[in-house]
Amino acid sequence: MARKAREVSSTGKYAVILRGINEVFAGEDMRTAFRTAAADYLGDGLLALRFYDNRVEMLAAESEKGISMDMKPLVTSFARTYNRETGNTGKVFADRFKSVPIEDDELERECMNYLNGAAPPASPFKSGAAAVAVVKKAAAERAKQVEPQEKEKKPDKPKKKNSLPSWLL
């Protein structure tokens, strides 16, 4: 089954969540290694970063190559470093990174406050999945505030009759 295409941001900024298969970022040495790799591969595109023992959340601006091509060398480089330092082999991250487009300044400010630790203690961001859900919900609510557009109805396609049995199709 094909994956759903990554949503594209009109501003070029994304909230990114990268989950490890275990407690990848539990030690300060791995956090430092990830920060170094992120600075090398994302450069000024890395706007904010927050670590948990099993994941990293960040706010990133894409380059002209796109967010996927920006993250690929970062993830690969860090995985090699992690496996070399810990003696592990194989996957380091649970799945591909999650990204949510940041479409306005208010949402960007909320993400920056959360990632920099300035969010209130009752922050809605309790886990990586919750962070993605909250950002998507906020973006959807903002989109509803903009003029709602009626969906165009597609005309029904006439059904074709085949003379062949269905098992041959």
N, C-alpha and C. Protein backbone atom coordinates (compact mmCIF):
# COMPACT_ATOMS: atom_id res chain seq x y z
N MET A 1 0.84 -1.18 0.00
CA MET A 1 0.00 0.00 0.00
C MET A 1 0.89 1.24 0.00
N ALA A 2 0.57 2.19 -0.82
CA ALA A 2 1.37 3.40 -0.94
C ALA A 2 1.16 4.30 0.27
N ARG A 3 2.20 5.04 0.61
CA ARG A 3 2.10 5.97 1.72
C ARG A 3 1.40 7.25 1.27
N LYS A 4 0.83 7.94 2.24
CA LYS A 4 0.23 9.23 1.96
C LYS A 4 1.35 10.24 1.73
N ALA A 5 1.20 11.07 0.74
CA ALA A 5 2.23 12.06 0.43
C ALA A 5 2.36 13.06 1.57
N ARG A 6 3.57 13.52 1.78
CA ARG A 6 3.84 14.50 2.83
C ARG A 6 3.20 15.83 2.44
N GLU A 7 2.54 16.49 3.40
CA GLU A 7 1.92 17.78 3.13
C GLU A 7 3.01 18.83 2.93
N VAL A 8 2.79 19.72 1.98
CA VAL A 8 3.77 20.75 1.66
C VAL A 8 3.35 22.06 2.32
N SER A 9 4.31 22.74 2.94
CA SER A 9 4.06 23.99 3.62
C SER A 9 4.26 25.16 2.67
N SER A 10 3.35 26.11 2.73
CA SER A 10 3.49 27.30 1.89
C SER A 10 4.56 28.23 2.45
N THR A 11 4.85 28.12 3.75
CA THR A 11 5.87 28.96 4.38
C THR A 11 7.24 28.29 4.38
N GLY A 12 7.28 26.98 4.12
CA GLY A 12 8.55 26.25 4.13
C GLY A 12 9.01 25.83 5.52
N LYS A 13 8.11 25.93 6.51
CA LYS A 13 8.47 25.56 7.88
C LYS A 13 7.62 24.37 8.32
N TYR A 14 8.25 23.49 9.11
CA TYR A 14 7.59 22.26 9.54
C TYR A 14 7.90 21.96 11.00
N ALA A 15 6.91 21.41 11.71
CA ALA A 15 7.14 20.79 13.00
C ALA A 15 7.48 19.34 12.68
N VAL A 16 8.63 18.87 13.14
CA VAL A 16 9.13 17.54 12.79
C VAL A 16 9.30 16.71 14.04
N ILE A 17 8.86 15.46 13.98
CA ILE A 17 9.02 14.53 15.09
C ILE A 17 9.69 13.27 14.56
N LEU A 18 10.75 12.87 15.23
CA LEU A 18 11.53 11.70 14.83
C LEU A 18 11.62 10.77 16.04
N ARG A 19 10.97 9.60 15.95
CA ARG A 19 10.92 8.65 17.07
C ARG A 19 12.00 7.58 16.94
N GLY A 20 12.70 7.33 18.03
CA GLY A 20 13.69 6.26 18.06
C GLY A 20 13.04 4.93 18.40
N ILE A 21 13.77 3.83 18.10
CA ILE A 21 13.23 2.50 18.41
C ILE A 21 13.38 2.16 19.89
N ASN A 22 14.25 2.87 20.55
CA ASN A 22 14.41 2.71 22.00
C ASN A 22 14.83 4.07 22.57
N GLU A 23 15.46 4.10 23.70
CA GLU A 23 15.84 5.36 24.31
C GLU A 23 17.13 5.89 23.68
N VAL A 24 17.01 6.31 22.45
CA VAL A 24 18.15 6.76 21.64
C VAL A 24 18.79 8.01 22.23
N PHE A 25 17.97 8.92 22.74
CA PHE A 25 18.48 10.22 23.21
C PHE A 25 18.56 10.32 24.72
N ALA A 26 18.66 9.17 25.40
CA ALA A 26 18.71 9.18 26.86
C ALA A 26 20.01 9.79 27.37
N GLY A 27 21.12 9.58 26.64
CA GLY A 27 22.40 10.12 27.07
C GLY A 27 22.72 11.45 26.42
N GLU A 28 23.42 12.27 27.13
CA GLU A 28 23.79 13.60 26.62
C GLU A 28 24.72 13.51 25.42
N ASP A 29 25.53 12.45 25.34
CA ASP A 29 26.44 12.32 24.20
C ASP A 29 25.68 12.12 22.89
N MET A 30 24.56 11.39 22.90
CA MET A 30 23.77 11.21 21.68
C MET A 30 23.00 12.48 21.34
N ARG A 31 22.58 13.21 22.34
CA ARG A 31 21.91 14.49 22.08
C ARG A 31 22.88 15.47 21.43
N THR A 32 24.10 15.48 21.93
CA THR A 32 25.13 16.35 21.34
C THR A 32 25.45 15.93 19.91
N ALA A 33 25.53 14.62 19.69
CA ALA A 33 25.80 14.11 18.33
C ALA A 33 24.68 14.51 17.38
N PHE A 34 23.43 14.45 17.84
CA PHE A 34 22.30 14.84 16.97
C PHE A 34 22.32 16.34 16.71
N ARG A 35 22.59 17.14 17.76
CA ARG A 35 22.68 18.60 17.57
C ARG A 35 23.74 18.95 16.54
N THR A 36 24.90 18.29 16.63
CA THR A 36 26.00 18.54 15.69
C THR A 36 25.59 18.18 14.27
N ALA A 37 24.99 17.00 14.11
CA ALA A 37 24.55 16.58 12.78
C ALA A 37 23.47 17.51 12.24
N ALA A 38 22.55 17.94 13.10
CA ALA A 38 21.49 18.86 12.67
C ALA A 38 22.07 20.20 12.23
N ALA A 39 23.06 20.68 12.97
CA ALA A 39 23.71 21.94 12.59
C ALA A 39 24.44 21.79 11.26
N ASP A 40 25.06 20.62 11.03
CA ASP A 40 25.78 20.39 9.77
C ASP A 40 24.83 20.29 8.58
N TYR A 41 23.73 19.56 8.74
CA TYR A 41 22.87 19.27 7.59
C TYR A 41 21.70 20.24 7.42
N LEU A 42 21.21 20.82 8.51
CA LEU A 42 20.10 21.77 8.39
C LEU A 42 20.58 23.22 8.48
N GLY A 43 21.68 23.43 9.17
CA GLY A 43 22.23 24.78 9.29
C GLY A 43 21.24 25.75 9.91
N ASP A 44 21.01 26.86 9.22
CA ASP A 44 20.08 27.87 9.71
C ASP A 44 18.63 27.41 9.63
N GLY A 45 18.39 26.31 8.96
CA GLY A 45 17.04 25.77 8.85
C GLY A 45 16.53 25.16 10.14
N LEU A 46 17.41 24.86 11.08
CA LEU A 46 17.01 24.33 12.38
C LEU A 46 16.63 25.51 13.27
N LEU A 47 15.33 25.65 13.56
CA LEU A 47 14.84 26.79 14.31
C LEU A 47 14.71 26.51 15.80
N ALA A 48 14.33 25.29 16.16
CA ALA A 48 14.18 24.91 17.57
C ALA A 48 14.28 23.39 17.67
N LEU A 49 14.68 22.92 18.86
CA LEU A 49 14.94 21.50 19.05
C LEU A 49 14.61 21.12 20.48
N ARG A 50 13.96 19.98 20.68
CA ARG A 50 13.66 19.49 22.02
C ARG A 50 13.82 17.99 22.04
N PHE A 51 14.54 17.50 23.04
CA PHE A 51 14.81 16.06 23.16
C PHE A 51 13.97 15.42 24.25
N TYR A 52 13.61 14.18 24.00
CA TYR A 52 13.05 13.27 24.99
C TYR A 52 13.92 12.03 24.91
N ASP A 53 13.76 11.11 25.81
CA ASP A 53 14.60 9.91 25.79
C ASP A 53 14.43 9.11 24.51
N ASN A 54 13.21 9.04 23.97
CA ASN A 54 12.96 8.19 22.81
C ASN A 54 12.61 8.95 21.53
N ARG A 55 12.65 10.27 21.54
CA ARG A 55 12.33 11.03 20.33
C ARG A 55 12.94 12.43 20.39
N VAL A 56 12.94 13.05 19.23
CA VAL A 56 13.36 14.45 19.14
C VAL A 56 12.28 15.18 18.35
N GLU A 57 11.94 16.37 18.82
CA GLU A 57 10.97 17.21 18.14
C GLU A 57 11.69 18.49 17.74
N MET A 58 11.39 18.99 16.55
CA MET A 58 12.07 20.20 16.09
C MET A 58 11.19 21.02 15.19
N LEU A 59 11.58 22.27 15.04
CA LEU A 59 10.96 23.17 14.09
C LEU A 59 12.04 23.45 13.06
N ALA A 60 11.74 23.17 11.80
CA ALA A 60 12.76 23.29 10.76
C ALA A 60 12.19 24.01 9.54
N ALA A 61 13.05 24.78 8.91
CA ALA A 61 12.71 25.44 7.65
C ALA A 61 13.40 24.66 6.54
N GLU A 62 12.66 24.35 5.49
CA GLU A 62 13.23 23.55 4.42
C GLU A 62 14.08 24.41 3.49
N SER A 63 15.01 23.75 2.83
CA SER A 63 15.82 24.42 1.81
C SER A 63 15.10 24.27 0.47
N GLU A 64 15.74 24.66 -0.60
CA GLU A 64 15.12 24.53 -1.91
C GLU A 64 14.93 23.06 -2.31
N LYS A 65 15.65 22.14 -1.65
CA LYS A 65 15.53 20.71 -1.96
C LYS A 65 14.26 20.10 -1.38
N GLY A 66 13.71 20.68 -0.33
CA GLY A 66 12.52 20.14 0.33
C GLY A 66 12.88 19.49 1.65
N ILE A 67 11.90 19.37 2.53
CA ILE A 67 12.14 18.86 3.88
C ILE A 67 12.61 17.41 3.88
N SER A 68 12.09 16.59 2.98
CA SER A 68 12.49 15.18 2.95
C SER A 68 13.97 15.03 2.60
N MET A 69 14.42 15.79 1.62
CA MET A 69 15.82 15.71 1.21
C MET A 69 16.74 16.41 2.21
N ASP A 70 16.22 17.31 3.02
CA ASP A 70 17.00 17.93 4.09
C ASP A 70 17.20 16.96 5.24
N MET A 71 16.15 16.19 5.57
CA MET A 71 16.20 15.29 6.71
C MET A 71 16.96 14.00 6.42
N LYS A 72 16.97 13.55 5.18
CA LYS A 72 17.58 12.27 4.83
C LYS A 72 19.05 12.17 5.26
N PRO A 73 19.93 13.12 4.91
CA PRO A 73 21.33 12.97 5.34
C PRO A 73 21.49 13.13 6.85
N LEU A 74 20.64 13.92 7.48
CA LEU A 74 20.70 14.09 8.94
C LEU A 74 20.39 12.77 9.63
N VAL A 75 19.30 12.13 9.24
CA VAL A 75 18.88 10.88 9.86
C VAL A 75 19.91 9.77 9.60
N THR A 76 20.40 9.69 8.38
CA THR A 76 21.38 8.66 8.01
C THR A 76 22.68 8.86 8.78
N SER A 77 23.16 10.08 8.83
CA SER A 77 24.41 10.38 9.52
C SER A 77 24.31 10.06 11.02
N PHE A 78 23.20 10.49 11.63
CA PHE A 78 23.04 10.22 13.06
C PHE A 78 22.92 8.72 13.32
N ALA A 79 22.18 8.00 12.48
CA ALA A 79 22.03 6.55 12.67
C ALA A 79 23.38 5.85 12.61
N ARG A 80 24.23 6.25 11.68
CA ARG A 80 25.58 5.67 11.61
C ARG A 80 26.37 5.97 12.87
N THR A 81 26.30 7.20 13.33
CA THR A 81 27.01 7.59 14.56
C THR A 81 26.50 6.79 15.75
N TYR A 82 25.18 6.70 15.89
CA TYR A 82 24.58 5.97 17.00
C TYR A 82 25.00 4.50 16.98
N ASN A 83 24.90 3.86 15.82
CA ASN A 83 25.27 2.44 15.73
C ASN A 83 26.76 2.22 15.99
N ARG A 84 27.59 3.13 15.53
CA ARG A 84 29.04 3.00 15.77
C ARG A 84 29.36 3.17 17.25
N GLU A 85 28.75 4.16 17.90
CA GLU A 85 29.04 4.44 19.31
C GLU A 85 28.49 3.39 20.25
N THR A 86 27.33 2.82 19.92
CA THR A 86 26.68 1.86 20.83
C THR A 86 26.95 0.41 20.47
N GLY A 87 27.51 0.16 19.28
CA GLY A 87 27.76 -1.20 18.84
C GLY A 87 26.52 -1.90 18.31
N ASN A 88 25.46 -1.16 18.11
CA ASN A 88 24.22 -1.73 17.55
C ASN A 88 24.31 -1.84 16.04
N THR A 89 23.40 -2.59 15.48
CA THR A 89 23.25 -2.65 14.02
C THR A 89 21.78 -2.49 13.69
N GLY A 90 21.50 -2.05 12.49
CA GLY A 90 20.11 -1.95 12.05
C GLY A 90 19.48 -0.60 12.30
N LYS A 91 18.16 -0.63 12.37
CA LYS A 91 17.37 0.59 12.47
C LYS A 91 17.59 1.32 13.79
N VAL A 92 17.58 2.64 13.71
CA VAL A 92 17.67 3.48 14.91
C VAL A 92 16.34 4.18 15.14
N PHE A 93 15.65 4.50 14.05
CA PHE A 93 14.38 5.21 14.16
C PHE A 93 13.22 4.29 13.80
N ALA A 94 12.10 4.49 14.49
CA ALA A 94 10.95 3.60 14.38
C ALA A 94 10.31 3.64 13.00
N ASP A 95 10.22 4.79 12.40
CA ASP A 95 9.61 4.93 11.09
C ASP A 95 10.07 6.24 10.50
N ARG A 96 9.53 6.61 9.35
CA ARG A 96 9.95 7.88 8.76
C ARG A 96 9.51 9.02 9.65
N PHE A 97 10.17 10.15 9.53
CA PHE A 97 9.84 11.27 10.41
C PHE A 97 8.46 11.82 10.08
N LYS A 98 7.81 12.33 11.11
CA LYS A 98 6.50 12.96 10.93
C LYS A 98 6.73 14.46 10.78
N SER A 99 5.98 15.08 9.87
CA SER A 99 6.09 16.51 9.71
C SER A 99 4.72 17.12 9.54
N VAL A 100 4.56 18.29 10.14
CA VAL A 100 3.31 19.03 10.03
C VAL A 100 3.67 20.42 9.53
N PRO A 101 3.05 20.87 8.44
CA PRO A 101 3.36 22.20 7.92
C PRO A 101 2.93 23.29 8.91
N ILE A 102 3.78 24.27 9.07
CA ILE A 102 3.47 25.44 9.90
C ILE A 102 3.10 26.56 8.94
N GLU A 103 1.82 26.93 8.92
CA GLU A 103 1.33 27.85 7.91
C GLU A 103 1.22 29.30 8.34
N ASP A 104 1.28 29.59 9.64
CA ASP A 104 1.17 30.99 10.04
C ASP A 104 2.10 31.31 11.20
N ASP A 105 2.27 32.59 11.46
CA ASP A 105 3.22 33.03 12.49
C ASP A 105 2.78 32.65 13.90
N GLU A 106 1.48 32.65 14.15
CA GLU A 106 1.00 32.31 15.48
C GLU A 106 1.30 30.85 15.83
N LEU A 107 1.07 29.97 14.89
CA LEU A 107 1.37 28.55 15.09
C LEU A 107 2.88 28.34 15.26
N GLU A 108 3.67 29.06 14.48
CA GLU A 108 5.12 28.98 14.61
C GLU A 108 5.56 29.43 16.00
N ARG A 109 4.97 30.50 16.49
CA ARG A 109 5.30 31.02 17.82
C ARG A 109 4.94 30.01 18.91
N GLU A 110 3.77 29.36 18.78
CA GLU A 110 3.37 28.34 19.75
C GLU A 110 4.36 27.18 19.76
N CYS A 111 4.77 26.74 18.58
CA CYS A 111 5.74 25.64 18.49
C CYS A 111 7.09 26.04 19.09
N MET A 112 7.53 27.25 18.78
CA MET A 112 8.81 27.73 19.32
C MET A 112 8.76 27.78 20.85
N ASN A 113 7.66 28.30 21.40
CA ASN A 113 7.52 28.36 22.86
C ASN A 113 7.56 26.98 23.48
N TYR A 114 6.85 26.03 22.87
CA TYR A 114 6.84 24.67 23.38
C TYR A 114 8.23 24.04 23.30
N LEU A 115 8.86 24.13 22.15
CA LEU A 115 10.15 23.48 21.95
C LEU A 115 11.26 24.11 22.80
N ASN A 116 11.14 25.39 23.08
CA ASN A 116 12.15 26.06 23.91
C ASN A 116 11.82 25.99 25.39
N GLY A 117 10.76 25.28 25.75
CA GLY A 117 10.44 25.08 27.16
C GLY A 117 9.65 26.21 27.78
N ALA A 118 9.15 27.16 26.99
CA ALA A 118 8.41 28.29 27.53
C ALA A 118 6.91 28.03 27.57
N ALA A 119 6.48 26.85 27.13
CA ALA A 119 5.05 26.53 27.14
C ALA A 119 4.61 26.31 28.58
N PRO A 120 3.34 26.57 28.88
CA PRO A 120 2.84 26.35 30.24
C PRO A 120 2.91 24.87 30.61
N PRO A 121 2.97 24.55 31.91
CA PRO A 121 3.07 23.16 32.33
C PRO A 121 1.95 22.28 31.80
N ALA A 122 0.76 22.83 31.57
CA ALA A 122 -0.36 22.06 31.06
C ALA A 122 -0.37 22.08 29.53
N SER A 123 0.80 21.97 28.94
CA SER A 123 0.91 22.02 27.48
C SER A 123 0.17 20.85 26.85
N PRO A 124 -0.50 21.07 25.73
CA PRO A 124 -1.20 19.97 25.06
C PRO A 124 -0.26 18.97 24.42
N PHE A 125 1.02 19.30 24.32
CA PHE A 125 2.00 18.43 23.68
C PHE A 125 2.53 17.44 24.71
N LYS A 126 1.86 16.29 24.85
CA LYS A 126 2.30 15.30 25.84
C LYS A 126 3.15 14.22 25.21
N SER A 127 3.01 14.00 23.94
CA SER A 127 3.81 12.99 23.25
C SER A 127 3.97 13.42 21.80
N GLY A 128 4.81 12.71 21.08
CA GLY A 128 5.03 13.04 19.68
C GLY A 128 3.74 12.98 18.88
N ALA A 129 2.94 11.94 19.09
CA ALA A 129 1.69 11.81 18.35
C ALA A 129 0.73 12.92 18.74
N ALA A 130 0.70 13.27 20.03
CA ALA A 130 -0.18 14.34 20.48
C ALA A 130 0.26 15.68 19.90
N ALA A 131 1.56 15.88 19.79
CA ALA A 131 2.07 17.13 19.22
C ALA A 131 1.63 17.27 17.78
N VAL A 132 1.75 16.22 17.01
CA VAL A 132 1.31 16.25 15.61
C VAL A 132 -0.19 16.52 15.55
N ALA A 133 -0.96 15.84 16.39
CA ALA A 133 -2.42 16.01 16.37
C ALA A 133 -2.82 17.43 16.73
N VAL A 134 -2.17 18.01 17.74
CA VAL A 134 -2.50 19.37 18.16
C VAL A 134 -2.14 20.38 17.08
N VAL A 135 -0.98 20.22 16.46
CA VAL A 135 -0.57 21.15 15.39
C VAL A 135 -1.53 21.03 14.21
N LYS A 136 -1.91 19.81 13.83
CA LYS A 136 -2.85 19.62 12.72
C LYS A 136 -4.21 20.23 13.06
N LYS A 137 -4.66 20.03 14.31
CA LYS A 137 -5.96 20.57 14.71
C LYS A 137 -5.94 22.09 14.67
N ALA A 138 -4.87 22.70 15.17
CA ALA A 138 -4.76 24.16 15.16
C ALA A 138 -4.73 24.69 13.73
N ALA A 139 -4.01 24.00 12.86
CA ALA A 139 -3.94 24.42 11.45
C ALA A 139 -5.30 24.28 10.78
N ALA A 140 -6.04 23.21 11.10
CA ALA A 140 -7.36 23.01 10.51
C ALA A 140 -8.34 24.08 10.99
N GLU A 141 -8.26 24.43 12.28
CA GLU A 141 -9.15 25.47 12.80
C GLU A 141 -8.85 26.82 12.15
N ARG A 142 -7.58 27.11 11.94
CA ARG A 142 -7.22 28.37 11.28
C ARG A 142 -7.70 28.36 9.83
N ALA A 143 -7.64 27.21 9.19
CA ALA A 143 -8.09 27.12 7.80
C ALA A 143 -9.60 27.31 7.72
N LYS A 144 -10.35 26.85 8.73
CA LYS A 144 -11.80 27.04 8.74
C LYS A 144 -12.16 28.51 8.92
N GLN A 145 -11.31 29.25 9.65
CA GLN A 145 -11.58 30.66 9.86
C GLN A 145 -11.47 31.46 8.58
N VAL A 146 -10.63 30.99 7.67
CA VAL A 146 -10.55 31.61 6.36
C VAL A 146 -11.82 31.23 5.63
N GLU A 147 -12.22 31.97 4.66
CA GLU A 147 -13.48 31.75 3.97
C GLU A 147 -13.65 30.28 3.57
N PRO A 148 -14.73 29.65 4.05
CA PRO A 148 -14.96 28.26 3.65
C PRO A 148 -15.37 28.20 2.19
N GLN A 149 -14.80 27.25 1.50
CA GLN A 149 -15.08 27.09 0.08
C GLN A 149 -15.93 25.85 -0.10
N GLU A 150 -16.88 25.95 -1.02
CA GLU A 150 -17.72 24.79 -1.31
C GLU A 150 -16.94 23.80 -2.14
N LYS A 151 -17.12 22.54 -1.82
CA LYS A 151 -16.46 21.50 -2.60
C LYS A 151 -17.20 21.32 -3.91
N GLU A 152 -16.42 21.20 -4.96
CA GLU A 152 -17.03 20.97 -6.26
C GLU A 152 -17.40 19.50 -6.38
N LYS A 153 -18.59 19.26 -6.89
CA LYS A 153 -19.02 17.88 -7.08
C LYS A 153 -18.48 17.38 -8.41
N LYS A 154 -17.92 16.21 -8.36
CA LYS A 154 -17.45 15.59 -9.59
C LYS A 154 -18.62 14.87 -10.24
N PRO A 155 -18.75 15.00 -11.55
CA PRO A 155 -19.85 14.30 -12.21
C PRO A 155 -19.62 12.78 -12.12
N ASP A 156 -20.73 12.06 -11.98
CA ASP A 156 -20.63 10.61 -11.92
C ASP A 156 -20.17 10.07 -13.26
N LYS A 157 -19.25 9.12 -13.20
CA LYS A 157 -18.76 8.50 -14.42
C LYS A 157 -19.73 7.41 -14.84
N PRO A 158 -20.01 7.33 -16.12
CA PRO A 158 -20.89 6.24 -16.56
C PRO A 158 -20.15 4.91 -16.39
N LYS A 159 -20.90 3.91 -15.97
CA LYS A 159 -20.29 2.60 -15.76
C LYS A 159 -20.12 1.90 -17.11
N LYS A 160 -18.97 1.28 -17.25
CA LYS A 160 -18.70 0.54 -18.48
C LYS A 160 -19.11 -0.91 -18.30
N LYS A 161 -19.64 -1.46 -19.35
CA LYS A 161 -20.00 -2.87 -19.30
C LYS A 161 -18.90 -3.66 -19.99
N ASN A 162 -18.39 -4.62 -19.30
CA ASN A 162 -17.39 -5.51 -19.87
C ASN A 162 -18.03 -6.85 -20.20
N SER A 163 -17.62 -7.38 -21.32
CA SER A 163 -18.13 -8.69 -21.67
C SER A 163 -17.26 -9.80 -21.08
N LEU A 164 -16.13 -9.41 -20.48
CA LEU A 164 -15.21 -10.39 -19.90
C LEU A 164 -15.62 -10.70 -18.48
N PRO A 165 -15.40 -11.91 -18.02
CA PRO A 165 -15.67 -12.24 -16.60
C PRO A 165 -14.72 -11.48 -15.69
N SER A 166 -15.15 -11.20 -14.47
CA SER A 166 -14.38 -10.38 -13.55
C SER A 166 -13.03 -11.01 -13.19
N TRP A 167 -12.93 -12.34 -13.22
CA TRP A 167 -11.66 -12.97 -12.86
C TRP A 167 -10.61 -12.77 -13.92
N LEU A 168 -10.98 -12.35 -15.11
CA LEU A 168 -10.01 -12.09 -16.17
C LEU A 168 -9.51 -10.64 -16.13
N LEU A 169 -10.21 -9.77 -15.45
CA LEU A 169 -9.85 -8.34 -15.44
C LEU A 169 -8.73 -8.04 -14.52
